[in-house]
């Protein structure tokens, strides 16, 4: 088996550390794993497969002789360094929003559009976490009965914002229980015992950027430019695991039994749906898992061709690091990502 030289840019962040765990768990064929981060984090030491590795500063020099570079350090870093890494010969799989809607750059969820990996010219974009779990659950149904309209409301964990948000939720929870009034720093309002219908910045059309990502990214991944989508994205006081209430309108009537049959056979999905024993997906139990969980599948009482479902996944794994590693694995398997990258 060919071994690859791998770099993780943003290695000390929450997603970066998840990359390390997933590469280990999946026995990814890495001969070398180079850990890169900002100058503030350089010099730190992390373990990869029981070997202690010193984190280096992300520079053009540190990105040389890399076959696959996983980026998770924000759009600004990706805009600057991803083209440098690709020019040096690496295949970049970028977890930020920097390149997702660039027409020539593939935006990939391996269970949905793996063939798009073959179009890459050095950079492949990893979609938004909420988009990933939704299209994994909906695409197997779309192939059988084309979807006309999606209305989704998300319930997104604070790990989607990063470690500082986790610390803020922890601190605020203690403050509220102690009778104190929290002062928010990461979010515009208190997140403990609260929900915030504001993720990313508001746009002129009244939607947030997070909501608009779900619209545009889903259309691109599913190759469905005319798909009608409306999203409301909400931050909730949960540490890990994004949840989504999704209303779907199909071209033709489809039964809940047919939906469960299709989803039960689809890759990357686990159906948990038995209301008689209160069995349905929950973020706490999805944390640490690789699957996208689907439950509460029922007819939409307002539409003959409509269904409603509840979708949950670990936002750090399938919503970020795992999906990126799966892109690399699929690209290697199909011969689209090779040792030596583009060199």
Protein backbone atom coordinates (compact mmCIF):
# COMPACT_ATOMS: atom_id res chain seq x y z
CA UNK A 1 0.00 0.00 0.00
CA UNK A 2 1.25 3.47 -0.89
CA UNK A 3 1.91 5.76 2.06
CA UNK A 4 1.23 9.48 1.90
CA UNK A 5 2.79 12.56 3.39
CA UNK A 6 -0.06 14.35 5.18
CA UNK A 7 -0.31 17.83 6.68
CA UNK A 8 -3.00 19.08 9.05
CA UNK A 9 -3.26 22.87 8.99
CA UNK A 10 -4.99 24.08 12.14
CA UNK A 11 -3.87 20.97 14.00
CA UNK A 12 -4.35 22.40 17.50
CA UNK A 13 -7.99 23.39 16.95
CA UNK A 14 -11.01 21.22 17.72
CA UNK A 15 -11.37 19.96 14.15
CA UNK A 16 -7.61 19.60 13.77
CA UNK A 17 -7.44 17.30 16.79
CA UNK A 18 -10.39 15.37 15.36
CA UNK A 19 -8.39 14.89 12.16
CA UNK A 20 -5.62 13.27 14.17
CA UNK A 21 -8.03 10.87 15.89
CA UNK A 22 -9.78 9.92 12.65
CA UNK A 23 -6.54 9.29 10.76
CA UNK A 24 -5.51 6.96 13.58
CA UNK A 25 -8.86 5.20 13.86
CA UNK A 26 -9.17 4.58 10.14
CA UNK A 27 -5.53 3.51 9.69
CA UNK A 28 -5.08 6.13 7.01
CA UNK A 29 -2.00 5.30 4.90
CA UNK A 30 0.16 8.16 6.18
CA UNK A 31 3.91 7.76 6.18
CA UNK A 32 4.28 11.22 7.72
CA UNK A 33 1.81 13.50 9.49
CA UNK A 34 2.96 17.11 9.69
CA UNK A 35 1.11 19.25 12.23
CA UNK A 36 0.82 22.92 11.30
CA UNK A 37 -0.81 25.88 13.01
CA UNK A 38 -0.33 29.58 13.69
CA UNK A 39 2.87 30.98 15.16
CA UNK A 40 1.09 31.13 18.55
CA UNK A 41 0.71 27.36 18.57
CA UNK A 42 4.03 26.39 17.03
CA UNK A 43 6.18 24.44 19.44
CA UNK A 44 3.26 22.63 21.06
CA UNK A 45 3.44 18.85 21.04
CA UNK A 46 0.65 16.45 20.05
CA UNK A 47 0.60 12.67 19.75
CA UNK A 48 -0.10 10.92 16.45
CA UNK A 49 -0.14 7.11 16.60
CA UNK A 50 1.75 7.29 19.91
CA UNK A 51 4.50 9.43 18.38
CA UNK A 52 5.00 12.91 19.84
CA UNK A 53 5.08 15.50 17.05
CA UNK A 54 6.02 19.16 17.39
CA UNK A 55 3.55 21.59 15.83
CA UNK A 56 5.17 23.83 13.22
CA UNK A 57 4.13 27.26 12.02
CA UNK A 58 2.21 27.21 8.74
CA UNK A 59 4.51 28.60 6.06
CA UNK A 60 5.18 28.00 2.39
CA UNK A 61 8.23 26.00 3.43
CA UNK A 62 6.32 23.76 5.85
CA UNK A 63 3.85 22.90 3.08
CA UNK A 64 6.49 21.51 0.74
CA UNK A 65 6.72 17.78 -0.03
CA UNK A 66 3.15 17.13 1.12
CA UNK A 67 0.78 14.80 -0.73
CA UNK A 68 -2.48 15.64 1.07
CA UNK A 69 -3.12 18.76 3.16
CA UNK A 70 -6.18 18.94 5.39
CA UNK A 71 -7.00 22.58 6.15
CA UNK A 72 -9.11 23.65 9.12
CA UNK A 73 -7.77 27.01 10.20
CA UNK A 74 -10.40 29.40 8.82
CA UNK A 75 -11.10 31.01 5.47
CA UNK A 76 -8.36 33.64 5.72
CA UNK A 77 -5.64 31.04 6.23
CA UNK A 78 -7.08 28.86 3.48
CA UNK A 79 -7.27 31.72 0.99
CA UNK A 80 -3.59 32.45 1.57
CA UNK A 81 -1.99 29.03 2.05
CA UNK A 82 -4.18 26.53 0.18
CA UNK A 83 -3.08 27.77 -3.28
CA UNK A 84 0.53 27.72 -2.07
CA UNK A 85 0.17 24.11 -0.92
CA UNK A 86 -1.52 23.11 -4.17
CA UNK A 87 1.14 24.87 -6.23
CA UNK A 88 3.77 22.92 -4.27
CA UNK A 89 2.07 19.67 -5.32
CA UNK A 90 -0.31 18.82 -2.50
CA UNK A 91 -3.98 18.00 -2.88
CA UNK A 92 -5.72 20.35 -0.46
CA UNK A 93 -8.97 19.33 1.22
CA UNK A 94 -10.24 22.53 2.79
CA UNK A 95 -12.76 22.65 5.62
CA UNK A 96 -13.37 26.42 5.47
CA UNK A 97 -15.86 28.39 3.39
CA UNK A 98 -13.07 29.86 1.26
CA UNK A 99 -13.57 27.84 -1.93
CA UNK A 100 -16.93 26.08 -1.58
CA UNK A 101 -18.82 28.09 -4.17
CA UNK A 102 -15.95 28.47 -6.65
CA UNK A 103 -17.32 26.82 -9.82
CA UNK A 104 -14.07 25.06 -10.72
CA UNK A 105 -13.48 23.65 -7.20
CA UNK A 106 -15.33 20.44 -6.27
CA UNK A 107 -17.54 20.55 -3.17
CA UNK A 108 -17.84 16.95 -2.05
CA UNK A 109 -19.77 14.63 0.22
CA UNK A 110 -18.53 11.14 -0.73
CA UNK A 111 -21.92 9.47 -0.23
CA UNK A 112 -23.48 11.96 -2.67
CA UNK A 113 -21.07 13.18 -5.37
CA UNK A 114 -17.77 11.24 -5.18
CA UNK A 115 -17.27 11.59 -8.95
CA UNK A 116 -16.69 15.33 -8.47
CA UNK A 117 -13.38 14.56 -6.74
CA UNK A 118 -11.97 13.66 -10.15
CA UNK A 119 -12.39 17.28 -11.29
CA UNK A 120 -9.98 18.68 -8.73
CA UNK A 121 -7.03 20.82 -9.76
CA UNK A 122 -5.32 20.75 -6.39
CA UNK A 123 -8.09 21.98 -4.08
CA UNK A 124 -11.25 20.19 -2.92
CA UNK A 125 -13.76 21.93 -0.66
CA UNK A 126 -15.40 20.29 2.36
CA UNK A 127 -18.99 21.52 2.85
CA UNK A 128 -20.57 23.21 5.84
CA UNK A 129 -21.33 20.81 8.70
CA UNK A 130 -25.11 21.25 8.58
CA UNK A 131 -25.19 20.83 4.82
CA UNK A 132 -23.24 17.56 4.97
CA UNK A 133 -25.59 15.69 7.29
CA UNK A 134 -28.69 16.92 5.45
CA UNK A 135 -27.58 15.89 1.97
CA UNK A 136 -26.32 12.50 3.21
CA UNK A 137 -29.85 11.80 4.47
CA UNK A 138 -31.77 13.32 1.56
CA UNK A 139 -29.77 12.31 -1.51
CA UNK A 140 -30.69 8.58 -1.46
CA UNK A 141 -34.35 9.66 -1.50
CA UNK A 142 -33.74 12.31 -4.17
CA UNK A 143 -32.32 9.64 -6.51
CA UNK A 144 -35.54 7.63 -6.24
CA UNK A 145 -38.07 10.47 -6.07
CA UNK A 146 -36.67 13.92 -6.97
CA UNK A 147 -36.98 16.49 -4.20
CA UNK A 148 -38.71 19.74 -5.13
CA UNK A 149 -38.48 21.71 -1.89
CA UNK A 150 -36.66 21.58 1.46
CA UNK A 151 -37.42 23.60 4.59
CA UNK A 152 -34.86 22.99 7.33
CA UNK A 153 -34.40 24.31 10.85
CA UNK A 154 -31.11 23.49 12.55
CA UNK A 155 -30.14 23.14 16.20
CA UNK A 156 -26.36 23.58 16.15
CA UNK A 157 -23.88 22.78 18.91
CA UNK A 158 -21.34 25.27 20.20
CA UNK A 159 -18.37 23.18 19.06
CA UNK A 160 -19.22 24.50 15.61
CA UNK A 161 -17.81 27.82 16.81
CA UNK A 162 -14.73 26.38 18.50
CA UNK A 163 -13.11 25.76 21.86
CA UNK A 164 -13.75 29.30 23.14
CA UNK A 165 -17.49 28.78 22.66
CA UNK A 166 -17.35 25.52 24.62
CA UNK A 167 -15.60 27.36 27.43
CA UNK A 168 -18.21 30.14 27.31
CA UNK A 169 -21.15 27.72 27.53
CA UNK A 170 -19.50 25.93 30.46
CA UNK A 171 -18.76 29.17 32.31
CA UNK A 172 -22.17 30.69 31.65
CA UNK A 173 -23.98 27.56 32.81
CA UNK A 174 -22.14 27.72 36.13
CA UNK A 175 -22.80 31.45 36.44
CA UNK A 176 -26.54 31.10 35.84
CA UNK A 177 -26.82 28.22 38.32
CA UNK A 178 -24.98 30.37 40.85
CA UNK A 179 -27.45 33.21 40.33
CA UNK A 180 -25.03 35.40 38.37
CA UNK A 181 -25.67 37.25 35.11
CA UNK A 182 -23.32 36.06 32.34
CA UNK A 183 -21.60 38.56 30.04
CA UNK A 184 -21.36 37.10 26.50
CA UNK A 185 -18.08 37.32 24.57
CA UNK A 186 -18.25 34.72 21.79
CA UNK A 187 -21.94 35.06 20.94
CA UNK A 188 -24.02 38.26 20.80
CA UNK A 189 -26.20 37.01 23.67
CA UNK A 190 -26.03 34.49 26.49
CA UNK A 191 -25.94 30.93 25.13
CA UNK A 192 -26.49 29.04 28.39
CA UNK A 193 -30.18 28.11 28.79
CA UNK A 194 -30.91 30.02 25.59
CA UNK A 195 -31.15 29.60 21.81
CA UNK A 196 -29.82 32.05 19.24
CA UNK A 197 -31.29 32.19 15.71
CA UNK A 198 -28.09 33.83 14.46
CA UNK A 199 -25.17 31.83 13.07
CA UNK A 200 -22.62 33.85 11.09
CA UNK A 201 -23.58 37.34 9.96
CA UNK A 202 -26.91 38.58 8.64
CA UNK A 203 -27.22 39.28 4.93
CA UNK A 204 -29.31 41.90 3.14
CA UNK A 205 -31.99 39.30 2.35
CA UNK A 206 -32.60 38.62 6.06
CA UNK A 207 -30.89 35.24 6.05
CA UNK A 208 -27.60 34.57 7.82
CA UNK A 209 -24.56 33.38 5.88
CA UNK A 210 -24.90 29.98 7.56
CA UNK A 211 -28.43 29.64 6.26
CA UNK A 212 -27.43 30.71 2.78
CA UNK A 213 -24.54 28.23 2.79
CA UNK A 214 -27.06 25.43 3.23
CA UNK A 215 -29.04 26.70 0.24
CA UNK A 216 -26.16 27.15 -2.19
CA UNK A 217 -24.01 24.23 -1.06
CA UNK A 218 -26.85 21.70 -1.18
CA UNK A 219 -27.68 22.71 -4.75
CA UNK A 220 -24.05 22.39 -5.81
CA UNK A 221 -23.44 19.03 -4.13
CA UNK A 222 -26.68 17.48 -5.37
CA UNK A 223 -26.33 19.04 -8.86
CA UNK A 224 -29.82 20.50 -8.43
CA UNK A 225 -29.65 24.20 -9.32
CA UNK A 226 -33.42 24.64 -9.18
CA UNK A 227 -33.95 22.97 -5.82
CA UNK A 228 -36.05 25.23 -3.55
CA UNK A 229 -34.48 25.46 -0.07
CA UNK A 230 -35.16 27.62 2.96
CA UNK A 231 -33.10 27.35 6.15
CA UNK A 232 -33.22 28.74 9.67
CA UNK A 233 -30.03 28.04 11.62
CA UNK A 234 -30.10 28.19 15.41
CA UNK A 235 -27.29 27.88 17.97
CA UNK A 236 -28.32 25.83 21.00
CA UNK A 237 -26.63 25.10 24.36
CA UNK A 238 -25.34 21.67 23.29
CA UNK A 239 -21.64 20.85 23.22
CA UNK A 240 -21.43 18.40 20.30
CA UNK A 241 -23.89 17.24 17.66
CA UNK A 242 -26.02 19.21 15.22
CA UNK A 243 -29.72 18.40 14.87
CA UNK A 244 -32.07 19.32 12.03
CA UNK A 245 -35.84 19.28 11.56
CA UNK A 246 -36.32 18.83 7.81
CA UNK A 247 -39.53 19.14 5.77
CA UNK A 248 -39.16 17.66 2.29
CA UNK A 249 -41.53 17.87 -0.66
CA UNK A 250 -41.04 15.21 -3.35
CA UNK A 251 -42.12 15.00 -6.98
CA UNK A 252 -44.40 12.04 -6.21
CA UNK A 253 -46.04 10.64 -3.10
CA UNK A 254 -43.71 8.45 -1.08
CA UNK A 255 -44.54 6.40 2.03
CA UNK A 256 -42.68 6.47 5.31
CA UNK A 257 -42.04 2.73 4.94
CA UNK A 258 -40.34 3.35 1.59
CA UNK A 259 -38.24 6.13 3.06
CA UNK A 260 -37.10 3.93 5.94
CA UNK A 261 -36.29 1.09 3.53
CA UNK A 262 -34.18 3.37 1.31
CA UNK A 263 -32.36 5.06 4.17
CA UNK A 264 -31.66 1.81 6.01
CA UNK A 265 -29.69 0.59 2.98
CA UNK A 266 -27.92 3.90 2.25
CA UNK A 267 -24.23 4.32 3.16
CA UNK A 268 -23.38 6.38 6.21
CA UNK A 269 -26.93 6.45 7.59
CA UNK A 270 -28.48 4.82 10.63
CA UNK A 271 -32.24 4.94 11.12
CA UNK A 272 -33.44 5.26 14.74
CA UNK A 273 -37.21 5.56 14.60
CA UNK A 274 -39.59 3.94 17.07
CA UNK A 275 -41.89 6.45 18.77
CA UNK A 276 -43.42 3.73 20.97
CA UNK A 277 -40.21 3.58 22.99
CA UNK A 278 -39.11 7.21 22.39
CA UNK A 279 -36.36 6.06 20.03
CA UNK A 280 -35.01 8.87 17.87
CA UNK A 281 -31.60 10.49 17.24
CA UNK A 282 -30.13 12.73 19.92
CA UNK A 283 -26.95 14.82 19.77
CA UNK A 284 -25.43 13.43 22.96
CA UNK A 285 -25.60 9.86 21.63
CA UNK A 286 -24.44 10.86 18.13
CA UNK A 287 -21.28 12.47 19.53
CA UNK A 288 -18.26 10.38 18.63
CA UNK A 289 -20.12 8.45 15.93
CA UNK A 290 -19.49 8.49 12.19
CA UNK A 291 -23.06 7.92 10.99
CA UNK A 292 -25.80 10.39 10.14
CA UNK A 293 -28.80 9.41 12.27
CA UNK A 294 -32.37 9.79 11.00
CA UNK A 295 -35.65 9.44 12.90
CA UNK A 296 -39.12 10.93 13.49
CA UNK A 297 -39.94 10.07 9.85
CA UNK A 298 -43.57 10.98 9.23
CA UNK A 299 -45.96 12.30 6.62
CA UNK A 300 -46.19 16.07 6.36
CA UNK A 301 -49.74 16.87 7.41
CA UNK A 302 -49.70 19.94 5.15
CA UNK A 303 -48.58 18.25 1.90
CA UNK A 304 -49.52 14.97 0.20
CA UNK A 305 -46.02 14.70 -1.27
CA UNK A 306 -44.29 15.88 1.88
CA UNK A 307 -42.37 14.14 4.63
CA UNK A 308 -40.79 15.35 7.86
CA UNK A 309 -37.68 13.89 9.48
CA UNK A 310 -35.16 14.55 12.24
CA UNK A 311 -31.44 14.34 11.31
CA UNK A 312 -28.54 14.32 13.79
CA UNK A 313 -24.76 13.97 13.38
CA UNK A 314 -21.49 14.74 15.14
CA UNK A 315 -20.52 18.11 13.64
CA UNK A 316 -16.81 17.63 14.31
CA UNK A 317 -16.67 14.21 12.68
CA UNK A 318 -19.05 13.72 9.75
CA UNK A 319 -19.67 17.46 9.71
CA UNK A 320 -15.97 18.26 9.30
CA UNK A 321 -12.91 16.04 9.75
CA UNK A 322 -14.39 12.66 8.86
CA UNK A 323 -15.95 13.90 5.63
CA UNK A 324 -12.61 15.39 4.58
CA UNK A 325 -10.74 12.14 5.32
CA UNK A 326 -13.40 10.19 3.41
CA UNK A 327 -12.83 12.51 0.43
CA UNK A 328 -9.13 11.64 0.56
CA UNK A 329 -9.85 7.92 0.88
CA UNK A 330 -12.27 7.99 -2.06
CA UNK A 331 -9.82 9.99 -4.17
CA UNK A 332 -7.05 7.50 -3.41
CA UNK A 333 -9.28 4.50 -4.15
CA UNK A 334 -10.30 5.90 -7.53
CA UNK A 335 -6.80 7.03 -8.45
CA UNK A 336 -7.57 10.75 -8.36
CA UNK A 337 -5.24 11.45 -5.40
CA UNK A 338 -1.77 9.97 -5.66
CA UNK A 339 1.44 9.94 -3.67
CA UNK A 340 3.38 12.89 -4.96
CA UNK A 341 0.11 14.86 -5.17
CA UNK A 342 0.20 16.95 -8.33
CA UNK A 343 3.96 16.83 -8.54
